Amino acid sequence: MNGLFSHSVTIFLAFFAIMNPVANTPLFLSLTDGDEPEVRRQVAFQSLLLAFFLVLLFSLFGRLIFEMFGITLPAFRIAGGALVIVIGFQMLHGSPSRVHHPSEEAAAQTREAELSVAISPLAMPILAGPGTLATAINFSSTSRIADIVITVSSFAVLCLITYGFFLTGERLVTFIGKSGVNVVTRMMGLILAVIGTQMIIEGMHGAGF
């Protein structure tokens, strides 16, 4: 039993170190800057739910998916890194201005755009990026039911913790104000660009360059 508990803690800490909810909370706040609290909650829930299902999928069929499409982990890292760099570059230039009183059609399009960040970049590649998915594949590669259950359960617990961080992050927005959020947005954009660059470097290194 102690061995099982120790193994579970190891998997949880591995996921925690890679996904790091503490570091991702400012990113979440920056990406949802200006959104209504209800929209921010929806984005948090949808992004974490999608990240969970991605980890579940890759825990069950990760190696098969990579082999089926001829995908290598280095290629996965390079593509994900490029996407993160683009997003970081956009954040460095600040968020586009919002219309205070949009039409119903414009409001619907704006809401759809607000919720779209839950898919990219939050769920993929920030929350369930190459490192997270590779970790899921690694710990469930034995194909034993127990290992798969522990891997998925550990990530589920981490998703709940991250959701709590994201929701309490709203207080930070109120505390630091609009100008503070703009500063954080640009800082996080720079950090995202650096993270994306590191992902590309690791991908190229893994590919033998």
C-alpha atoms as a PDB file:
ATOM      1  CA  MET A   1       0.000   0.000   0.000  1.00  0.00           C
ATOM      2  CA  ASN A   2       2.845   2.377   0.869  1.00  0.00           C
ATOM      3  CA  GLY A   3       4.452   1.619  -2.484  1.00  0.00           C
ATOM      4  CA  LEU A   4       1.212   2.404  -4.303  1.00  0.00           C
ATOM      5  CA  PHE A   5       0.801   5.670  -2.388  1.00  0.00           C
ATOM      6  CA  SER A   6       4.408   6.659  -3.081  1.00  0.00           C
ATOM      7  CA  HIS A   7       3.943   5.897  -6.779  1.00  0.00           C
ATOM      8  CA  SER A   8       0.769   8.009  -6.864  1.00  0.00           C
ATOM      9  CA  VAL A   9       2.536  10.934  -5.193  1.00  0.00           C
ATOM     10  CA  THR A  10       5.406  10.661  -7.678  1.00  0.00           C
ATOM     11  CA  ILE A  11       3.028  10.829 -10.638  1.00  0.00           C
ATOM     12  CA  PHE A  12       1.106  13.739  -9.109  1.00  0.00           C
ATOM     13  CA  LEU A  13       4.274  15.729  -8.433  1.00  0.00           C
ATOM     14  CA  ALA A  14       5.511  15.067 -11.968  1.00  0.00           C
ATOM     15  CA  PHE A  15       2.277  16.465 -13.423  1.00  0.00           C
ATOM     16  CA  PHE A  16       2.313  19.373 -10.952  1.00  0.00           C
ATOM     17  CA  ALA A  17       5.861  20.368 -11.878  1.00  0.00           C
ATOM     18  CA  ILE A  18       5.056  20.345 -15.590  1.00  0.00           C
ATOM     19  CA  MET A  19       1.598  21.958 -15.560  1.00  0.00           C
ATOM     20  CA  ASN A  20       2.353  24.211 -12.548  1.00  0.00           C
ATOM     21  CA  PRO A  21      -1.008  25.801 -11.649  1.00  0.00           C
ATOM     22  CA  VAL A  22       0.732  28.590  -9.732  1.00  0.00           C
ATOM     23  CA  ALA A  23       2.621  29.761 -12.814  1.00  0.00           C
ATOM     24  CA  ASN A  24      -0.345  29.198 -15.134  1.00  0.00           C
ATOM     25  CA  THR A  25      -2.747  31.350 -13.100  1.00  0.00           C
ATOM     26  CA  PRO A  26      -1.253  34.667 -14.327  1.00  0.00           C
ATOM     27  CA  LEU A  27      -1.388  33.289 -17.873  1.00  0.00           C
ATOM     28  CA  PHE A  28      -5.038  32.408 -17.398  1.00  0.00           C
ATOM     29  CA  LEU A  29      -5.769  35.891 -16.056  1.00  0.00           C
ATOM     30  CA  SER A  30      -4.000  37.496 -19.000  1.00  0.00           C
ATOM     31  CA  LEU A  31      -5.807  35.387 -21.586  1.00  0.00           C
ATOM     32  CA  THR A  32      -9.199  36.115 -19.997  1.00  0.00           C
ATOM     33  CA  ASP A  33      -8.519  39.784 -19.278  1.00  0.00           C
ATOM     34  CA  GLY A  34     -11.738  41.802 -19.614  1.00  0.00           C
ATOM     35  CA  ASP A  35     -14.026  38.753 -19.605  1.00  0.00           C
ATOM     36  CA  GLU A  36     -17.051  38.572 -17.349  1.00  0.00           C
ATOM     37  CA  PRO A  37     -16.627  36.359 -14.239  1.00  0.00           C
ATOM     38  CA  GLU A  38     -19.072  33.798 -15.658  1.00  0.00           C
ATOM     39  CA  VAL A  39     -17.123  33.612 -18.922  1.00  0.00           C
ATOM     40  CA  ARG A  40     -13.860  33.255 -17.001  1.00  0.00           C
ATOM     41  CA  ARG A  41     -15.329  30.364 -15.010  1.00  0.00           C
ATOM     42  CA  GLN A  42     -16.504  28.688 -18.218  1.00  0.00           C
ATOM     43  CA  VAL A  43     -13.071  29.092 -19.798  1.00  0.00           C
ATOM     44  CA  ALA A  44     -11.405  27.601 -16.704  1.00  0.00           C
ATOM     45  CA  PHE A  45     -13.806  24.657 -16.596  1.00  0.00           C
ATOM     46  CA  GLN A  46     -13.727  23.921 -20.331  1.00  0.00           C
ATOM     47  CA  SER A  47      -9.941  24.192 -20.624  1.00  0.00           C
ATOM     48  CA  LEU A  48      -9.328  21.859 -17.683  1.00  0.00           C
ATOM     49  CA  LEU A  49     -12.008  19.408 -18.827  1.00  0.00           C
ATOM     50  CA  LEU A  50     -10.446  19.242 -22.287  1.00  0.00           C
ATOM     51  CA  ALA A  51      -6.961  18.897 -20.791  1.00  0.00           C
ATOM     52  CA  PHE A  52      -8.220  16.012 -18.646  1.00  0.00           C
ATOM     53  CA  PHE A  53      -9.732  14.198 -21.628  1.00  0.00           C
ATOM     54  CA  LEU A  54      -6.523  14.691 -23.615  1.00  0.00           C
ATOM     55  CA  VAL A  55      -4.486  13.129 -20.806  1.00  0.00           C
ATOM     56  CA  LEU A  56      -7.043  10.324 -20.525  1.00  0.00           C
ATOM     57  CA  LEU A  57      -6.859   9.728 -24.282  1.00  0.00           C
ATOM     58  CA  PHE A  58      -3.073   9.707 -24.373  1.00  0.00           C
ATOM     59  CA  SER A  59      -2.869   7.522 -21.269  1.00  0.00           C
ATOM     60  CA  LEU A  60      -4.987   4.922 -23.027  1.00  0.00           C
ATOM     61  CA  PHE A  61      -3.912   5.274 -26.657  1.00  0.00           C
ATOM     62  CA  GLY A  62      -0.932   7.664 -26.721  1.00  0.00           C
ATOM     63  CA  ARG A  63       1.660   5.404 -28.259  1.00  0.00           C
ATOM     64  CA  LEU A  64      -0.854   3.993 -30.725  1.00  0.00           C
ATOM     65  CA  ILE A  65      -1.855   7.527 -31.834  1.00  0.00           C
ATOM     66  CA  PHE A  66       1.750   8.565 -32.401  1.00  0.00           C
ATOM     67  CA  GLU A  67       2.518   5.382 -34.346  1.00  0.00           C
ATOM     68  CA  MET A  68      -0.687   5.614 -36.391  1.00  0.00           C
ATOM     69  CA  PHE A  69       0.071   9.116 -37.669  1.00  0.00           C
ATOM     70  CA  GLY A  70       3.835   8.738 -37.712  1.00  0.00           C
ATOM     71  CA  ILE A  71       4.237  11.490 -35.116  1.00  0.00           C
ATOM     72  CA  THR A  72       7.348  11.791 -32.985  1.00  0.00           C
ATOM     73  CA  LEU A  73       7.556  13.584 -29.652  1.00  0.00           C
ATOM     74  CA  PRO A  74      10.223  16.030 -30.960  1.00  0.00           C
ATOM     75  CA  ALA A  75       7.894  17.049 -33.809  1.00  0.00           C
ATOM     76  CA  PHE A  76       5.089  17.447 -31.280  1.00  0.00           C
ATOM     77  CA  ARG A  77       7.278  19.713 -29.154  1.00  0.00           C
ATOM     78  CA  ILE A  78       8.386  21.861 -32.113  1.00  0.00           C
ATOM     79  CA  ALA A  79       4.815  22.406 -33.363  1.00  0.00           C
ATOM     80  CA  GLY A  80       3.553  23.192 -29.857  1.00  0.00           C
ATOM     81  CA  GLY A  81       6.455  25.560 -29.249  1.00  0.00           C
ATOM     82  CA  ALA A  82       5.763  27.473 -32.453  1.00  0.00           C
ATOM     83  CA  LEU A  83       2.124  27.914 -31.439  1.00  0.00           C
ATOM     84  CA  VAL A  84       3.098  29.169 -27.973  1.00  0.00           C
ATOM     85  CA  ILE A  85       5.545  31.686 -29.493  1.00  0.00           C
ATOM     86  CA  VAL A  86       2.833  33.127 -31.752  1.00  0.00           C
ATOM     87  CA  ILE A  87       0.456  33.504 -28.807  1.00  0.00           C
ATOM     88  CA  GLY A  88       3.171  35.089 -26.671  1.00  0.00           C
ATOM     89  CA  PHE A  89       4.012  37.561 -29.453  1.00  0.00           C
ATOM     90  CA  GLN A  90       0.370  38.631 -29.646  1.00  0.00           C
ATOM     91  CA  MET A  91       0.183  39.070 -25.864  1.00  0.00           C
ATOM     92  CA  LEU A  92       3.329  41.233 -25.930  1.00  0.00           C
ATOM     93  CA  HIS A  93       1.417  43.702 -28.078  1.00  0.00           C
ATOM     94  CA  GLY A  94      -1.552  43.751 -25.683  1.00  0.00           C
ATOM     95  CA  SER A  95      -5.142  42.583 -26.107  1.00  0.00           C
ATOM     96  CA  PRO A  96      -7.299  44.153 -28.835  1.00  0.00           C
ATOM     97  CA  SER A  97      -9.782  46.759 -27.646  1.00  0.00           C
ATOM     98  CA  ARG A  98     -13.316  45.590 -26.887  1.00  0.00           C
ATOM     99  CA  VAL A  99     -16.545  47.313 -27.933  1.00  0.00           C
ATOM    100  CA  HIS A 100     -18.462  48.404 -24.836  1.00  0.00           C
ATOM    101  CA  HIS A 101     -21.927  48.042 -26.373  1.00  0.00           C
ATOM    102  CA  PRO A 102     -21.729  45.533 -29.242  1.00  0.00           C
ATOM    103  CA  SER A 103     -24.666  44.341 -31.291  1.00  0.00           C
ATOM    104  CA  GLU A 104     -26.169  40.947 -30.488  1.00  0.00           C
ATOM    105  CA  GLU A 105     -24.329  39.342 -33.395  1.00  0.00           C
ATOM    106  CA  ALA A 106     -21.043  40.992 -32.418  1.00  0.00           C
ATOM    107  CA  ALA A 107     -21.582  40.034 -28.784  1.00  0.00           C
ATOM    108  CA  ALA A 108     -22.122  36.417 -29.767  1.00  0.00           C
ATOM    109  CA  GLN A 109     -18.940  36.444 -31.856  1.00  0.00           C
ATOM    110  CA  THR A 110     -17.038  38.104 -29.009  1.00  0.00           C
ATOM    111  CA  ARG A 111     -18.267  35.496 -26.518  1.00  0.00           C
ATOM    112  CA  GLU A 112     -17.293  32.703 -28.907  1.00  0.00           C
ATOM    113  CA  ALA A 113     -13.837  34.235 -29.241  1.00  0.00           C
ATOM    114  CA  GLU A 114     -13.546  34.552 -25.453  1.00  0.00           C
ATOM    115  CA  LEU A 115     -14.425  30.898 -24.953  1.00  0.00           C
ATOM    116  CA  SER A 116     -12.117  29.766 -27.771  1.00  0.00           C
ATOM    117  CA  VAL A 117      -9.032  30.400 -25.606  1.00  0.00           C
ATOM    118  CA  ALA A 118     -10.185  27.453 -23.494  1.00  0.00           C
ATOM    119  CA  ILE A 119      -9.196  25.179 -26.380  1.00  0.00           C
ATOM    120  CA  SER A 120      -6.082  26.989 -27.548  1.00  0.00           C
ATOM    121  CA  PRO A 121      -3.826  27.997 -25.979  1.00  0.00           C
ATOM    122  CA  LEU A 122      -5.090  27.022 -22.498  1.00  0.00           C
ATOM    123  CA  ALA A 123      -6.037  23.351 -22.864  1.00  0.00           C
ATOM    124  CA  MET A 124      -3.492  22.793 -25.601  1.00  0.00           C
ATOM    125  CA  PRO A 125      -0.576  23.373 -25.383  1.00  0.00           C
ATOM    126  CA  ILE A 126      -0.374  25.170 -21.983  1.00  0.00           C
ATOM    127  CA  LEU A 127      -2.235  22.719 -19.703  1.00  0.00           C
ATOM    128  CA  ALA A 128      -1.939  19.527 -21.746  1.00  0.00           C
ATOM    129  CA  GLY A 129       1.224  20.292 -23.649  1.00  0.00           C
ATOM    130  CA  PRO A 130       3.889  17.917 -24.976  1.00  0.00           C
ATOM    131  CA  GLY A 131       5.477  17.508 -21.543  1.00  0.00           C
ATOM    132  CA  THR A 132       2.176  16.683 -19.839  1.00  0.00           C
ATOM    133  CA  LEU A 133       1.111  14.234 -22.546  1.00  0.00           C
ATOM    134  CA  ALA A 134       4.551  12.632 -22.626  1.00  0.00           C
ATOM    135  CA  THR A 135       4.357  12.179 -18.848  1.00  0.00           C
ATOM    136  CA  ALA A 136       0.934  10.563 -19.177  1.00  0.00           C
ATOM    137  CA  ILE A 137       2.235   8.180 -21.840  1.00  0.00           C
ATOM    138  CA  ASN A 138       5.329   7.363 -19.783  1.00  0.00           C
ATOM    139  CA  PHE A 139       3.489   6.456 -16.568  1.00  0.00           C
ATOM    140  CA  SER A 140       0.783   4.470 -18.342  1.00  0.00           C
ATOM    141  CA  SER A 141       3.032   2.770 -20.892  1.00  0.00           C
ATOM    142  CA  THR A 142       2.918  -0.543 -18.997  1.00  0.00           C
ATOM    143  CA  SER A 143      -0.754  -0.809 -20.077  1.00  0.00           C
ATOM    144  CA  ARG A 144      -1.611  -2.117 -16.605  1.00  0.00           C
ATOM    145  CA  ILE A 145      -5.023  -0.929 -15.453  1.00  0.00           C
ATOM    146  CA  ALA A 146      -3.655   0.166 -12.070  1.00  0.00           C
ATOM    147  CA  ASP A 147      -1.014   2.430 -13.655  1.00  0.00           C
ATOM    148  CA  ILE A 148      -3.548   3.982 -16.033  1.00  0.00           C
ATOM    149  CA  VAL A 149      -6.031   4.601 -13.200  1.00  0.00           C
ATOM    150  CA  ILE A 150      -3.372   6.192 -10.968  1.00  0.00           C
ATOM    151  CA  THR A 151      -2.090   8.381 -13.815  1.00  0.00           C
ATOM    152  CA  VAL A 152      -5.536   9.647 -14.794  1.00  0.00           C
ATOM    153  CA  SER A 153      -6.658  10.076 -11.160  1.00  0.00           C
ATOM    154  CA  SER A 154      -3.532  12.052 -10.269  1.00  0.00           C
ATOM    155  CA  PHE A 155      -4.121  14.417 -13.161  1.00  0.00           C
ATOM    156  CA  ALA A 156      -7.812  14.757 -12.222  1.00  0.00           C
ATOM    157  CA  VAL A 157      -6.827  15.900  -8.717  1.00  0.00           C
ATOM    158  CA  LEU A 158      -4.384  18.390 -10.231  1.00  0.00           C
ATOM    159  CA  CYS A 159      -7.145  19.741 -12.501  1.00  0.00           C
ATOM    160  CA  LEU A 160      -9.356  20.392  -9.455  1.00  0.00           C
ATOM    161  CA  ILE A 161      -6.519  22.216  -7.709  1.00  0.00           C
ATOM    162  CA  THR A 162      -5.790  24.267 -10.835  1.00  0.00           C
ATOM    163  CA  TYR A 163      -9.477  25.176 -11.145  1.00  0.00           C
ATOM    164  CA  GLY A 164      -9.331  26.564  -7.625  1.00  0.00           C
ATOM    165  CA  PHE A 165      -6.256  28.616  -8.507  1.00  0.00           C
ATOM    166  CA  PHE A 166      -7.953  29.980 -11.628  1.00  0.00           C
ATOM    167  CA  LEU A 167     -11.122  31.011  -9.782  1.00  0.00           C
ATOM    168  CA  THR A 168      -9.325  32.695  -6.884  1.00  0.00           C
ATOM    169  CA  GLY A 169      -7.178  34.470  -9.445  1.00  0.00           C
ATOM    170  CA  GLU A 170     -10.141  36.789 -10.104  1.00  0.00           C
ATOM    171  CA  ARG A 171      -9.346  38.503  -6.796  1.00  0.00           C
ATOM    172  CA  LEU A 172      -5.914  39.335  -8.165  1.00  0.00           C
ATOM    173  CA  VAL A 173      -7.528  41.171 -11.095  1.00  0.00           C
ATOM    174  CA  THR A 174      -9.520  43.325  -8.667  1.00  0.00           C
ATOM    175  CA  PHE A 175      -6.457  43.954  -6.530  1.00  0.00           C
ATOM    176  CA  ILE A 176      -3.927  44.990  -9.179  1.00  0.00           C
ATOM    177  CA  GLY A 177      -6.390  46.792 -11.492  1.00  0.00           C
ATOM    178  CA  LYS A 178      -6.537  47.165 -15.274  1.00  0.00           C
ATOM    179  CA  SER A 179      -3.065  48.669 -15.679  1.00  0.00           C
ATOM    180  CA  GLY A 180      -1.571  45.909 -13.564  1.00  0.00           C
ATOM    181  CA  VAL A 181      -3.261  43.261 -15.705  1.00  0.00           C
ATOM    182  CA  ASN A 182      -1.848  44.916 -18.848  1.00  0.00           C
ATOM    183  CA  VAL A 183       1.643  44.737 -17.371  1.00  0.00           C
ATOM    184  CA  VAL A 184       1.121  41.093 -16.415  1.00  0.00           C
ATOM    185  CA  THR A 185      -0.209  40.357 -19.920  1.00  0.00           C
ATOM    186  CA  ARG A 186       2.985  41.623 -21.539  1.00  0.00           C
ATOM    187  CA  MET A 187       5.192  39.869 -19.006  1.00  0.00           C
ATOM    188  CA  MET A 188       3.343  36.595 -19.548  1.00  0.00           C
ATOM    189  CA  GLY A 189       3.593  37.102 -23.301  1.00  0.00           C
ATOM    190  CA  LEU A 190       7.365  37.292 -23.000  1.00  0.00           C
ATOM    191  CA  ILE A 191       7.425  34.240 -20.740  1.00  0.00           C
ATOM    192  CA  LEU A 192       5.215  32.315 -23.172  1.00  0.00           C
ATOM    193  CA  ALA A 193       7.538  33.212 -26.051  1.00  0.00           C
ATOM    194  CA  VAL A 194      10.503  31.932 -24.030  1.00  0.00           C
ATOM    195  CA  ILE A 195       8.620  28.734 -23.096  1.00  0.00           C
ATOM    196  CA  GLY A 196       7.781  28.180 -26.767  1.00  0.00           C
ATOM    197  CA  THR A 197      11.415  28.704 -27.745  1.00  0.00           C
ATOM    198  CA  GLN A 198      12.520  26.186 -25.106  1.00  0.00           C
ATOM    199  CA  MET A 199       9.980  23.676 -26.415  1.00  0.00           C
ATOM    200  CA  ILE A 200      11.387  24.066 -29.937  1.00  0.00           C
ATOM    201  CA  ILE A 201      14.977  23.689 -28.661  1.00  0.00           C
ATOM    202  CA  GLU A 202      14.037  20.498 -26.814  1.00  0.00           C
ATOM    203  CA  GLY A 203      12.214  19.214 -29.888  1.00  0.00           C
ATOM    204  CA  MET A 204      15.202  19.899 -32.157  1.00  0.00           C
ATOM    205  CA  HIS A 205      17.539  18.309 -29.621  1.00  0.00           C
ATOM    206  CA  GLY A 206      15.306  15.228 -29.481  1.00  0.00           C
ATOM    207  CA  ALA A 207      15.306  15.103 -33.282  1.00  0.00           C
ATOM    208  CA  GLY A 208      19.085  15.029 -33.306  1.00  0.00           C
ATOM    209  CA  PHE A 209      19.834  18.590 -34.468  1.00  0.00           C
END
